PDB file of N, CA and C in Angstrom:
ATOM      1  N   UNK A   1     -10.836   9.954 -23.549  1.00  0.00           N
ATOM      2  CA  UNK A   1      -9.790   9.032 -23.135  1.00  0.00           C
ATOM      3  C   UNK A   1      -8.760   9.702 -22.343  1.00  0.00           C
ATOM      4  N   UNK A   2      -8.331   9.213 -21.292  1.00  0.00           N
ATOM      5  CA  UNK A   2      -7.253   9.856 -20.297  1.00  0.00           C
ATOM      6  C   UNK A   2      -6.042   9.644 -21.109  1.00  0.00           C
ATOM      7  N   UNK A   3      -5.088  10.560 -20.741  1.00  0.00           N
ATOM      8  CA  UNK A   3      -3.659  10.376 -21.340  1.00  0.00           C
ATOM      9  C   UNK A   3      -2.989   9.120 -20.765  1.00  0.00           C
ATOM     10  N   UNK A   4      -2.168   8.658 -21.572  1.00  0.00           N
ATOM     11  CA  UNK A   4      -1.426   7.418 -21.018  1.00  0.00           C
ATOM     12  C   UNK A   4       0.077   7.791 -21.250  1.00  0.00           C
ATOM     13  N   UNK A   5       0.931   7.026 -20.578  1.00  0.00           N
ATOM     14  CA  UNK A   5       2.414   6.991 -20.730  1.00  0.00           C
ATOM     15  C   UNK A   5       2.874   5.563 -20.745  1.00  0.00           C
ATOM     16  N   UNK A   6       4.022   5.479 -21.444  1.00  0.00           N
ATOM     17  CA  UNK A   6       4.680   4.343 -21.398  1.00  0.00           C
ATOM     18  C   UNK A   6       5.749   4.307 -20.247  1.00  0.00           C
ATOM     19  N   UNK A   7       5.997   2.980 -19.739  1.00  0.00           N
ATOM     20  CA  UNK A   7       6.866   2.785 -18.713  1.00  0.00           C
ATOM     21  C   UNK A   7       7.515   1.368 -18.774  1.00  0.00           C
ATOM     22  N   UNK A   8       8.729   1.360 -19.022  1.00  0.00           N
ATOM     23  CA  UNK A   8       9.454   0.128 -19.245  1.00  0.00           C
ATOM     24  C   UNK A   8       9.514  -0.652 -17.832  1.00  0.00           C
ATOM     25  N   UNK A   9       9.039  -1.830 -17.829  1.00  0.00           N
ATOM     26  CA  UNK A   9       8.794  -2.615 -16.493  1.00  0.00           C
ATOM     27  C   UNK A   9       9.719  -3.822 -16.489  1.00  0.00           C
ATOM     28  N   UNK A  10      10.509  -4.043 -15.659  1.00  0.00           N
ATOM     29  CA  UNK A  10      11.219  -5.268 -15.516  1.00  0.00           C
ATOM     30  C   UNK A  10      10.648  -6.018 -14.390  1.00  0.00           C
ATOM     31  N   UNK A  11      10.231  -7.260 -14.701  1.00  0.00           N
ATOM     32  CA  UNK A  11       9.606  -8.188 -13.596  1.00  0.00           C
ATOM     33  C   UNK A  11      10.477  -9.360 -13.401  1.00  0.00           C
ATOM     34  N   UNK A  12      10.610  -9.893 -12.370  1.00  0.00           N
ATOM     35  CA  UNK A  12      11.125 -11.222 -12.242  1.00  0.00           C
ATOM     36  C   UNK A  12      10.377 -12.208 -12.998  1.00  0.00           C
ATOM     37  N   UNK A  13      10.982 -13.329 -13.600  1.00  0.00           N
ATOM     38  CA  UNK A  13      10.265 -14.261 -14.555  1.00  0.00           C
ATOM     39  C   UNK A  13       9.001 -14.748 -13.780  1.00  0.00           C
ATOM     40  N   UNK A  14       9.290 -15.182 -12.388  1.00  0.00           N
ATOM     41  CA  UNK A  14       8.159 -15.835 -11.696  1.00  0.00           C
ATOM     42  C   UNK A  14       6.889 -14.966 -11.532  1.00  0.00           C
ATOM     43  N   UNK A  15       7.163 -13.556 -11.249  1.00  0.00           N
ATOM     44  CA  UNK A  15       6.017 -12.635 -11.120  1.00  0.00           C
ATOM     45  C   UNK A  15       5.259 -12.461 -12.546  1.00  0.00           C
ATOM     46  N   UNK A  16       6.204 -12.307 -13.519  1.00  0.00           N
ATOM     47  CA  UNK A  16       5.533 -12.165 -14.763  1.00  0.00           C
ATOM     48  C   UNK A  16       4.679 -13.294 -15.182  1.00  0.00           C
ATOM     49  N   UNK A  17       5.155 -14.593 -15.017  1.00  0.00           N
ATOM     50  CA  UNK A  17       4.405 -15.792 -15.331  1.00  0.00           C
ATOM     51  C   UNK A  17       3.178 -15.742 -14.570  1.00  0.00           C
ATOM     52  N   UNK A  18       3.212 -15.576 -13.326  1.00  0.00           N
ATOM     53  CA  UNK A  18       1.926 -15.514 -12.424  1.00  0.00           C
ATOM     54  C   UNK A  18       0.933 -14.386 -12.957  1.00  0.00           C
ATOM     55  N   UNK A  19       1.468 -13.335 -13.378  1.00  0.00           N
ATOM     56  CA  UNK A  19       0.709 -12.204 -13.781  1.00  0.00           C
ATOM     57  C   UNK A  19      -0.032 -12.541 -15.106  1.00  0.00           C
ATOM     58  N   UNK A  20       0.708 -13.215 -16.009  1.00  0.00           N
ATOM     59  CA  UNK A  20       0.153 -13.794 -17.155  1.00  0.00           C
ATOM     60  C   UNK A  20      -0.902 -14.848 -17.099  1.00  0.00           C
ATOM     61  N   UNK A  21      -0.649 -15.666 -16.188  1.00  0.00           N
ATOM     62  CA  UNK A  21      -1.643 -16.722 -15.843  1.00  0.00           C
ATOM     63  C   UNK A  21      -2.892 -16.079 -15.304  1.00  0.00           C
ATOM     64  N   UNK A  22      -2.803 -15.148 -14.431  1.00  0.00           N
ATOM     65  CA  UNK A  22      -3.969 -14.490 -13.799  1.00  0.00           C
ATOM     66  C   UNK A  22      -4.709 -13.692 -14.801  1.00  0.00           C
ATOM     67  N   UNK A  23      -3.907 -13.018 -15.659  1.00  0.00           N
ATOM     68  CA  UNK A  23      -4.511 -12.106 -16.710  1.00  0.00           C
ATOM     69  C   UNK A  23      -5.335 -13.007 -17.777  1.00  0.00           C
ATOM     70  N   UNK A  24      -4.742 -14.082 -18.011  1.00  0.00           N
ATOM     71  CA  UNK A  24      -5.457 -14.961 -18.886  1.00  0.00           C
ATOM     72  C   UNK A  24      -6.748 -15.476 -18.209  1.00  0.00           C
ATOM     73  N   UNK A  25      -6.750 -15.847 -17.020  1.00  0.00           N
ATOM     74  CA  UNK A  25      -7.893 -16.398 -16.296  1.00  0.00           C
ATOM     75  C   UNK A  25      -8.966 -15.265 -16.193  1.00  0.00           C
ATOM     76  N   UNK A  26      -8.618 -13.967 -16.145  1.00  0.00           N
ATOM     77  CA  UNK A  26      -9.464 -12.884 -16.105  1.00  0.00           C
ATOM     78  C   UNK A  26      -9.904 -12.480 -17.585  1.00  0.00           C
ATOM     79  N   UNK A  27      -9.313 -13.029 -18.677  1.00  0.00           N
ATOM     80  CA  UNK A  27      -9.663 -12.622 -19.928  1.00  0.00           C
ATOM     81  C   UNK A  27      -9.194 -11.252 -20.326  1.00  0.00           C
ATOM     82  N   UNK A  28      -8.013 -10.849 -19.702  1.00  0.00           N
ATOM     83  CA  UNK A  28      -7.551  -9.444 -20.068  1.00  0.00           C
ATOM     84  C   UNK A  28      -6.164  -9.511 -20.469  1.00  0.00           C
ATOM     85  N   UNK A  29      -5.605  -8.524 -21.175  1.00  0.00           N
ATOM     86  CA  UNK A  29      -4.153  -8.536 -21.529  1.00  0.00           C
ATOM     87  C   UNK A  29      -3.383  -8.434 -20.138  1.00  0.00           C
ATOM     88  N   UNK A  30      -2.012  -8.779 -20.401  1.00  0.00           N
ATOM     89  CA  UNK A  30      -1.055  -8.520 -19.338  1.00  0.00           C
ATOM     90  C   UNK A  30      -0.977  -7.177 -19.077  1.00  0.00           C
ATOM     91  N   UNK A  31      -0.915  -6.265 -19.954  1.00  0.00           N
ATOM     92  CA  UNK A  31      -0.903  -4.862 -19.860  1.00  0.00           C
ATOM     93  C   UNK A  31      -2.006  -4.324 -18.815  1.00  0.00           C
ATOM     94  N   UNK A  32      -3.118  -4.790 -19.374  1.00  0.00           N
ATOM     95  CA  UNK A  32      -4.348  -4.293 -18.545  1.00  0.00           C
ATOM     96  C   UNK A  32      -4.307  -4.866 -17.144  1.00  0.00           C
ATOM     97  N   UNK A  33      -3.930  -6.029 -17.008  1.00  0.00           N
ATOM     98  CA  UNK A  33      -3.851  -6.663 -15.587  1.00  0.00           C
ATOM     99  C   UNK A  33      -2.868  -5.839 -14.704  1.00  0.00           C
ATOM    100  N   UNK A  34      -1.782  -5.452 -15.352  1.00  0.00           N
ATOM    101  CA  UNK A  34      -0.737  -4.827 -14.618  1.00  0.00           C
ATOM    102  C   UNK A  34      -1.167  -3.512 -14.151  1.00  0.00           C
ATOM    103  N   UNK A  35      -1.751  -2.806 -15.243  1.00  0.00           N
ATOM    104  CA  UNK A  35      -2.333  -1.419 -14.972  1.00  0.00           C
ATOM    105  C   UNK A  35      -3.476  -1.339 -14.019  1.00  0.00           C
ATOM    106  N   UNK A  36      -4.233  -2.362 -13.874  1.00  0.00           N
ATOM    107  CA  UNK A  36      -5.335  -2.423 -12.838  1.00  0.00           C
ATOM    108  C   UNK A  36      -4.714  -2.858 -11.394  1.00  0.00           C
ATOM    109  N   UNK A  37      -3.725  -3.657 -11.419  1.00  0.00           N
ATOM    110  CA  UNK A  37      -3.103  -3.978 -10.156  1.00  0.00           C
ATOM    111  C   UNK A  37      -2.259  -2.788  -9.548  1.00  0.00           C
ATOM    112  N   UNK A  38      -1.618  -2.041 -10.443  1.00  0.00           N
ATOM    113  CA  UNK A  38      -1.058  -0.859 -10.030  1.00  0.00           C
ATOM    114  C   UNK A  38      -2.016   0.197  -9.291  1.00  0.00           C
ATOM    115  N   UNK A  39      -3.128   0.452 -10.262  1.00  0.00           N
ATOM    116  CA  UNK A  39      -4.150   1.247  -9.804  1.00  0.00           C
ATOM    117  C   UNK A  39      -4.780   0.848  -8.497  1.00  0.00           C
ATOM    118  N   UNK A  40      -5.026  -0.442  -8.174  1.00  0.00           N
ATOM    119  CA  UNK A  40      -5.533  -0.868  -7.029  1.00  0.00           C
ATOM    120  C   UNK A  40      -4.560  -0.553  -5.880  1.00  0.00           C
ATOM    121  N   UNK A  41      -3.346  -0.792  -6.055  1.00  0.00           N
ATOM    122  CA  UNK A  41      -2.299  -0.521  -4.837  1.00  0.00           C
ATOM    123  C   UNK A  41      -2.217   0.902  -4.677  1.00  0.00           C
ATOM    124  N   UNK A  42      -2.158   1.816  -5.626  1.00  0.00           N
ATOM    125  CA  UNK A  42      -2.172   3.278  -5.450  1.00  0.00           C
ATOM    126  C   UNK A  42      -3.495   3.736  -4.731  1.00  0.00           C
ATOM    127  N   UNK A  43      -4.571   3.134  -5.077  1.00  0.00           N
ATOM    128  CA  UNK A  43      -5.874   3.457  -4.352  1.00  0.00           C
ATOM    129  C   UNK A  43      -5.905   3.013  -2.902  1.00  0.00           C
ATOM    130  N   UNK A  44      -5.262   1.929  -2.618  1.00  0.00           N
ATOM    131  CA  UNK A  44      -5.210   1.349  -1.194  1.00  0.00           C
ATOM    132  C   UNK A  44      -4.251   2.264  -0.450  1.00  0.00           C
ATOM    133  N   UNK A  45      -3.082   2.598  -0.885  1.00  0.00           N
ATOM    134  CA  UNK A  45      -2.140   3.306  -0.241  1.00  0.00           C
ATOM    135  C   UNK A  45      -2.631   4.681  -0.058  1.00  0.00           C
ATOM    136  N   UNK A  46      -3.336   5.387  -0.961  1.00  0.00           N
ATOM    137  CA  UNK A  46      -3.826   6.776  -0.713  1.00  0.00           C
ATOM    138  C   UNK A  46      -4.996   6.622   0.201  1.00  0.00           C
ATOM    139  N   UNK A  47      -5.775   5.553   0.199  1.00  0.00           N
ATOM    140  CA  UNK A  47      -6.960   5.506   1.220  1.00  0.00           C
ATOM    141  C   UNK A  47      -6.381   5.259   2.546  1.00  0.00           C
ATOM    142  N   UNK A  48      -5.412   4.534   2.784  1.00  0.00           N
ATOM    143  CA  UNK A  48      -4.827   4.321   4.016  1.00  0.00           C
ATOM    144  C   UNK A  48      -4.180   5.493   4.500  1.00  0.00           C
ATOM    145  N   UNK A  49      -3.374   6.215   3.742  1.00  0.00           N
ATOM    146  CA  UNK A  49      -2.840   7.484   4.160  1.00  0.00           C
ATOM    147  C   UNK A  49      -3.878   8.451   4.622  1.00  0.00           C
ATOM    148  N   UNK A  50      -4.999   8.551   3.924  1.00  0.00           N
ATOM    149  CA  UNK A  50      -5.956   9.503   4.272  1.00  0.00           C
ATOM    150  C   UNK A  50      -6.770   9.071   5.518  1.00  0.00           C
ATOM    151  N   UNK A  51      -6.954   7.804   5.654  1.00  0.00           N
ATOM    152  CA  UNK A  51      -7.521   7.297   6.922  1.00  0.00           C
ATOM    153  C   UNK A  51      -6.692   7.612   8.164  1.00  0.00           C
ATOM    154  N   UNK A  52      -5.369   7.356   8.007  1.00  0.00           N
ATOM    155  CA  UNK A  52      -4.483   7.654   9.142  1.00  0.00           C
ATOM    156  C   UNK A  52      -4.233   8.957   9.504  1.00  0.00           C
ATOM    157  N   UNK A  53      -4.115   9.915   8.340  1.00  0.00           N
ATOM    158  CA  UNK A  53      -3.985  11.285   8.625  1.00  0.00           C
ATOM    159  C   UNK A  53      -5.417  11.841   9.385  1.00  0.00           C
ATOM    160  N   UNK A  54      -6.598  11.253   9.001  1.00  0.00           N
ATOM    161  CA  UNK A  54      -7.808  11.719   9.639  1.00  0.00           C
ATOM    162  C   UNK A  54      -7.772  11.295  10.946  1.00  0.00           C
ATOM    163  N   UNK A  55      -7.315  10.039  11.340  1.00  0.00           N
ATOM    164  CA  UNK A  55      -7.325   9.587  12.634  1.00  0.00           C
ATOM    165  C   UNK A  55      -6.200  10.416  13.502  1.00  0.00           C
ATOM    166  N   UNK A  56      -5.166  10.924  12.915  1.00  0.00           N
ATOM    167  CA  UNK A  56      -4.085  11.488  13.544  1.00  0.00           C
ATOM    168  C   UNK A  56      -4.422  13.015  13.891  1.00  0.00           C
ATOM    169  N   UNK A  57      -5.473  13.550  13.259  1.00  0.00           N
ATOM    170  CA  UNK A  57      -5.929  14.931  13.597  1.00  0.00           C
ATOM    171  C   UNK A  57      -5.346  15.903  12.613  1.00  0.00           C
ATOM    172  N   UNK A  58      -4.378  15.572  11.979  1.00  0.00           N
ATOM    173  CA  UNK A  58      -3.642  16.612  10.907  1.00  0.00           C
ATOM    174  C   UNK A  58      -2.539  15.821  10.276  1.00  0.00           C
ATOM    175  N   UNK A  59      -1.831  16.555   9.346  1.00  0.00           N
ATOM    176  CA  UNK A  59      -0.894  15.983   8.549  1.00  0.00           C
ATOM    177  C   UNK A  59       0.377  15.590   9.369  1.00  0.00           C
ATOM    178  N   UNK A  60       0.631  16.347  10.530  1.00  0.00           N
ATOM    179  CA  UNK A  60       1.810  16.086  11.199  1.00  0.00           C
ATOM    180  C   UNK A  60       1.721  15.056  12.152  1.00  0.00           C
ATOM    181  N   UNK A  61       0.550  14.512  12.607  1.00  0.00           N
ATOM    182  CA  UNK A  61       0.342  13.455  13.385  1.00  0.00           C
ATOM    183  C   UNK A  61       0.120  14.051  14.908  1.00  0.00           C
ATOM    184  N   UNK A  62       0.229  15.244  15.111  1.00  0.00           N
ATOM    185  CA  UNK A  62       0.101  15.848  16.527  1.00  0.00           C
ATOM    186  C   UNK A  62      -1.148  15.407  17.198  1.00  0.00           C
ATOM    187  N   UNK A  63      -2.208  15.225  16.490  1.00  0.00           N
ATOM    188  CA  UNK A  63      -3.435  14.734  16.991  1.00  0.00           C
ATOM    189  C   UNK A  63      -3.220  13.352  17.615  1.00  0.00           C
ATOM    190  N   UNK A  64      -2.545  12.589  16.954  1.00  0.00           N
ATOM    191  CA  UNK A  64      -2.211  11.120  17.454  1.00  0.00           C
ATOM    192  C   UNK A  64      -1.468  11.255  18.777  1.00  0.00           C
ATOM    193  N   UNK A  65      -0.575  12.177  18.835  1.00  0.00           N
ATOM    194  CA  UNK A  65       0.357  12.220  20.033  1.00  0.00           C
ATOM    195  C   UNK A  65      -0.360  12.290  21.432  1.00  0.00           C
ATOM    196  N   UNK A  66      -1.616  12.858  21.310  1.00  0.00           N
ATOM    197  CA  UNK A  66      -2.311  12.911  22.527  1.00  0.00           C
ATOM    198  C   UNK A  66      -2.752  11.531  23.096  1.00  0.00           C
ATOM    199  N   UNK A  67      -2.994  10.563  22.312  1.00  0.00           N
ATOM    200  CA  UNK A  67      -3.215   9.270  22.717  1.00  0.00           C
ATOM    201  C   UNK A  67      -1.854   8.591  23.233  1.00  0.00           C
ATOM    202  N   UNK A  68      -0.741   8.869  22.546  1.00  0.00           N
ATOM    203  CA  UNK A  68       0.519   8.247  23.060  1.00  0.00           C
ATOM    204  C   UNK A  68       0.891   8.929  24.436  1.00  0.00           C
ATOM    205  N   UNK A  69       0.537  10.250  24.597  1.00  0.00           N
ATOM    206  CA  UNK A  69       0.898  10.704  25.894  1.00  0.00           C
ATOM    207  C   UNK A  69       0.162  10.213  27.157  1.00  0.00           C
ATOM    208  N   UNK A  70      -1.026   9.600  26.857  1.00  0.00           N
ATOM    209  CA  UNK A  70      -1.742   9.137  27.910  1.00  0.00           C
ATOM    210  C   UNK A  70      -1.335   7.625  28.154  1.00  0.00           C
ATOM    211  N   UNK A  71      -0.508   7.086  27.274  1.00  0.00           N
ATOM    212  CA  UNK A  71      -0.013   5.664  27.573  1.00  0.00           C
ATOM    213  C   UNK A  71       0.885   5.572  28.689  1.00  0.00           C
ATOM    214  N   UNK A  72       0.955   4.544  29.370  1.00  0.00           N
ATOM    215  CA  UNK A  72       1.738   4.324  30.729  1.00  0.00           C
ATOM    216  C   UNK A  72       3.152   4.289  30.150  1.00  0.00           C
ATOM    217  N   UNK A  73       4.116   4.881  31.143  1.00  0.00           N
ATOM    218  CA  UNK A  73       5.457   4.825  30.750  1.00  0.00           C
ATOM    219  C   UNK A  73       6.057   3.676  31.250  1.00  0.00           C
ATOM    220  N   UNK A  74       5.906   2.654  30.578  1.00  0.00           N
ATOM    221  CA  UNK A  74       6.613   1.266  30.920  1.00  0.00           C
ATOM    222  C   UNK A  74       7.282   0.828  29.805  1.00  0.00           C
ATOM    223  N   UNK A  75       8.392  -0.062  30.192  1.00  0.00           N
ATOM    224  CA  UNK A  75       9.194  -0.736  29.099  1.00  0.00           C
ATOM    225  C   UNK A  75       8.294  -1.688  28.313  1.00  0.00           C
ATOM    226  N   UNK A  76       8.617  -2.042  27.113  1.00  0.00           N
ATOM    227  CA  UNK A  76       7.805  -2.975  26.391  1.00  0.00           C
ATOM    228  C   UNK A  76       7.904  -4.384  26.929  1.00  0.00           C
ATOM    229  N   UNK A  77       6.886  -5.233  26.705  1.00  0.00           N
ATOM    230  CA  UNK A  77       6.756  -6.505  27.268  1.00  0.00           C
ATOM    231  C   UNK A  77       7.897  -7.262  26.647  1.00  0.00           C
ATOM    232  N   UNK A  78       8.311  -8.359  27.304  1.00  0.00           N
ATOM    233  CA  UNK A  78       9.618  -9.152  26.680  1.00  0.00           C
ATOM    234  C   UNK A  78       9.211  -9.675  25.198  1.00  0.00           C
ATOM    235  N   UNK A  79       7.910  -9.988  25.029  1.00  0.00           N
ATOM    236  CA  UNK A  79       7.587 -10.580  23.709  1.00  0.00           C
ATOM    237  C   UNK A  79       7.696  -9.438  22.626  1.00  0.00           C
ATOM    238  N   UNK A  80       7.491  -8.203  23.109  1.00  0.00           N
ATOM    239  CA  UNK A  80       7.728  -7.082  22.174  1.00  0.00           C
ATOM    240  C   UNK A  80       9.020  -6.590  21.933  1.00  0.00           C
ATOM    241  N   UNK A  81       9.941  -6.943  22.605  1.00  0.00           N
ATOM    242  CA  UNK A  81      11.365  -6.276  22.537  1.00  0.00           C
ATOM    243  C   UNK A  81      11.949  -6.737  21.135  1.00  0.00           C
ATOM    244  N   UNK A  82      12.792  -6.028  20.574  1.00  0.00           N
ATOM    245  CA  UNK A  82      13.550  -6.195  19.343  1.00  0.00           C
ATOM    246  C   UNK A  82      15.055  -6.595  19.591  1.00  0.00           C
ATOM    247  N   UNK A  83      15.324  -6.872  20.848  1.00  0.00           N
ATOM    248  CA  UNK A  83      16.778  -7.133  21.180  1.00  0.00           C
ATOM    249  C   UNK A  83      17.462  -8.023  20.144  1.00  0.00           C
TER     250      UNK A  83
END
């Protein structure tokens, strides 16, 4: 069995209630439900990071800059402005 550690977690009541409801529907404990949810999020973020690093060409993103260098030097469209 892999090592485990305790972590005190404070959740808003509404989030805890929703998690309890979903855990019950899945037939698992709240602890197991939260552990799986965190593991899924960690996996998704790590996969996204690896995907974009691969697309960028390297860890610094210099590979991606070659695409940006080819972009036209135009101001953003009015709908894209953050004014």
